[in-house]
Amino acid sequence: MIPDYQTCMLPLLKYAGDNNEHKFSDAVDYLSNKFNLTQEERKELLPSKTQDVIRGLTQAVFINPYVIFSPTLGIISKKKYYC
């Protein structure tokens, strides 16, 4: 079963929280494997038919500008805060 946004948030933040840069596609694969998604679930499209659901969920979590940033196209990393 494809998880909802809230269920995806913590695993993806932990994935990005290791202070390394990650490919967006690797994050999608990580989430798919974490929730044991079948090939059919991985290919299920959003209602707009523009991308698959799991990629859309991953993108929605990583769009949050207060937590994650993208130093270059297709790369994600945890935002570092300095006090």
C-alpha atoms as a PDB file:
ATOM      1  CA  MET A   1       0.000   0.000   0.000  1.00  0.00           C
ATOM      2  CA  ILE A   2       1.303   3.439  -0.915  1.00  0.00           C
ATOM      3  CA  PRO A   3       1.857   5.521   2.247  1.00  0.00           C
ATOM      4  CA  ASP A   4       0.436   8.999   2.740  1.00  0.00           C
ATOM      5  CA  TYR A   5       2.430  12.225   3.045  1.00  0.00           C
ATOM      6  CA  GLN A   6       2.683  12.124   6.851  1.00  0.00           C
ATOM      7  CA  THR A   7       3.926   8.544   6.831  1.00  0.00           C
ATOM      8  CA  CYS A   8       6.632   9.411   4.280  1.00  0.00           C
ATOM      9  CA  MET A   9       7.914  12.498   6.090  1.00  0.00           C
ATOM     10  CA  LEU A  10       9.971  10.968   8.924  1.00  0.00           C
ATOM     11  CA  PRO A  11      11.720   8.216   6.927  1.00  0.00           C
ATOM     12  CA  LEU A  12      12.700  10.700   4.222  1.00  0.00           C
ATOM     13  CA  LEU A  13      13.954  13.269   6.718  1.00  0.00           C
ATOM     14  CA  LYS A  14      16.052  10.594   8.397  1.00  0.00           C
ATOM     15  CA  TYR A  15      17.366   9.547   4.990  1.00  0.00           C
ATOM     16  CA  ALA A  16      18.407  13.106   4.177  1.00  0.00           C
ATOM     17  CA  GLY A  17      19.596  13.784   7.733  1.00  0.00           C
ATOM     18  CA  ASP A  18      22.955  12.071   7.401  1.00  0.00           C
ATOM     19  CA  ASN A  19      24.515  15.339   6.131  1.00  0.00           C
ATOM     20  CA  ASN A  20      25.328  13.789   2.752  1.00  0.00           C
ATOM     21  CA  GLU A  21      23.949  14.769  -0.616  1.00  0.00           C
ATOM     22  CA  HIS A  22      21.590  12.249  -2.214  1.00  0.00           C
ATOM     23  CA  LYS A  23      20.159  11.853  -5.680  1.00  0.00           C
ATOM     24  CA  PHE A  24      16.426  12.465  -5.779  1.00  0.00           C
ATOM     25  CA  SER A  25      15.950   9.181  -7.649  1.00  0.00           C
ATOM     26  CA  ASP A  26      17.791   7.343  -4.838  1.00  0.00           C
ATOM     27  CA  ALA A  27      15.390   8.888  -2.309  1.00  0.00           C
ATOM     28  CA  VAL A  28      12.443   7.619  -4.362  1.00  0.00           C
ATOM     29  CA  ASP A  29      13.986   4.131  -4.443  1.00  0.00           C
ATOM     30  CA  TYR A  30      14.685   4.283  -0.706  1.00  0.00           C
ATOM     31  CA  LEU A  31      11.079   5.156   0.069  1.00  0.00           C
ATOM     32  CA  SER A  32       9.754   2.491  -2.310  1.00  0.00           C
ATOM     33  CA  ASN A  33      11.921  -0.147  -0.659  1.00  0.00           C
ATOM     34  CA  LYS A  34      11.174   1.093   2.868  1.00  0.00           C
ATOM     35  CA  PHE A  35       7.449   0.508   2.339  1.00  0.00           C
ATOM     36  CA  ASN A  36       7.908  -2.669   0.248  1.00  0.00           C
ATOM     37  CA  LEU A  37       5.974  -1.271  -2.694  1.00  0.00           C
ATOM     38  CA  THR A  38       5.126  -3.629  -5.522  1.00  0.00           C
ATOM     39  CA  GLN A  39       6.049  -2.791  -9.122  1.00  0.00           C
ATOM     40  CA  GLU A  40       2.410  -1.861  -9.768  1.00  0.00           C
ATOM     41  CA  GLU A  41       2.386   0.534  -6.801  1.00  0.00           C
ATOM     42  CA  ARG A  42       5.670   2.094  -7.925  1.00  0.00           C
ATOM     43  CA  LYS A  43       4.171   2.782 -11.360  1.00  0.00           C
ATOM     44  CA  GLU A  44       0.799   4.099 -10.126  1.00  0.00           C
ATOM     45  CA  LEU A  45       0.243   7.600 -11.470  1.00  0.00           C
ATOM     46  CA  LEU A  46      -1.104  10.710  -9.795  1.00  0.00           C
ATOM     47  CA  PRO A  47      -4.561  11.839 -11.012  1.00  0.00           C
ATOM     48  CA  SER A  48      -2.807  14.394 -13.236  1.00  0.00           C
ATOM     49  CA  LYS A  49      -0.970  11.488 -14.958  1.00  0.00           C
ATOM     50  CA  THR A  50       2.260  13.551 -14.920  1.00  0.00           C
ATOM     51  CA  GLN A  51       4.303  11.397 -12.533  1.00  0.00           C
ATOM     52  CA  ASP A  52       4.015   8.355 -10.325  1.00  0.00           C
ATOM     53  CA  VAL A  53       2.562   8.711  -6.833  1.00  0.00           C
ATOM     54  CA  ILE A  54       5.689   7.743  -4.897  1.00  0.00           C
ATOM     55  CA  ARG A  55       7.826  10.278  -6.806  1.00  0.00           C
ATOM     56  CA  GLY A  56       5.183  12.935  -6.114  1.00  0.00           C
ATOM     57  CA  LEU A  57       5.179  12.137  -2.395  1.00  0.00           C
ATOM     58  CA  THR A  58       8.961  12.258  -2.240  1.00  0.00           C
ATOM     59  CA  GLN A  59       9.002  15.562  -4.074  1.00  0.00           C
ATOM     60  CA  ALA A  60       6.328  17.015  -1.772  1.00  0.00           C
ATOM     61  CA  VAL A  61       8.396  16.197   1.315  1.00  0.00           C
ATOM     62  CA  PHE A  62      11.623  17.570  -0.154  1.00  0.00           C
ATOM     63  CA  ILE A  63      10.070  20.794  -1.400  1.00  0.00           C
ATOM     64  CA  ASN A  64       9.894  22.048   2.200  1.00  0.00           C
ATOM     65  CA  PRO A  65      12.444  24.904   2.085  1.00  0.00           C
ATOM     66  CA  TYR A  66      12.914  24.962   5.857  1.00  0.00           C
ATOM     67  CA  VAL A  67      14.219  21.417   6.074  1.00  0.00           C
ATOM     68  CA  ILE A  68      15.681  20.264   2.761  1.00  0.00           C
ATOM     69  CA  PHE A  69      17.560  22.078   0.038  1.00  0.00           C
ATOM     70  CA  SER A  70      18.813  21.191  -3.393  1.00  0.00           C
ATOM     71  CA  PRO A  71      22.394  22.368  -3.997  1.00  0.00           C
ATOM     72  CA  THR A  72      22.122  21.265  -7.639  1.00  0.00           C
ATOM     73  CA  LEU A  73      19.362  19.902  -9.826  1.00  0.00           C
ATOM     74  CA  GLY A  74      18.345  16.390  -8.789  1.00  0.00           C
ATOM     75  CA  ILE A  75      20.399  16.450  -5.562  1.00  0.00           C
ATOM     76  CA  ILE A  76      18.898  16.801  -2.090  1.00  0.00           C
ATOM     77  CA  SER A  77      20.448  17.409   1.305  1.00  0.00           C
ATOM     78  CA  LYS A  78      19.375  18.357   4.812  1.00  0.00           C
ATOM     79  CA  LYS A  79      19.468  22.104   5.401  1.00  0.00           C
ATOM     80  CA  LYS A  80      22.110  23.114   7.912  1.00  0.00           C
ATOM     81  CA  TYR A  81      21.184  25.717  10.487  1.00  0.00           C
ATOM     82  CA  TYR A  82      23.788  27.783  12.206  1.00  0.00           C
ATOM     83  CA  CYS A  83      23.078  29.557  15.500  1.00  0.00           C
END
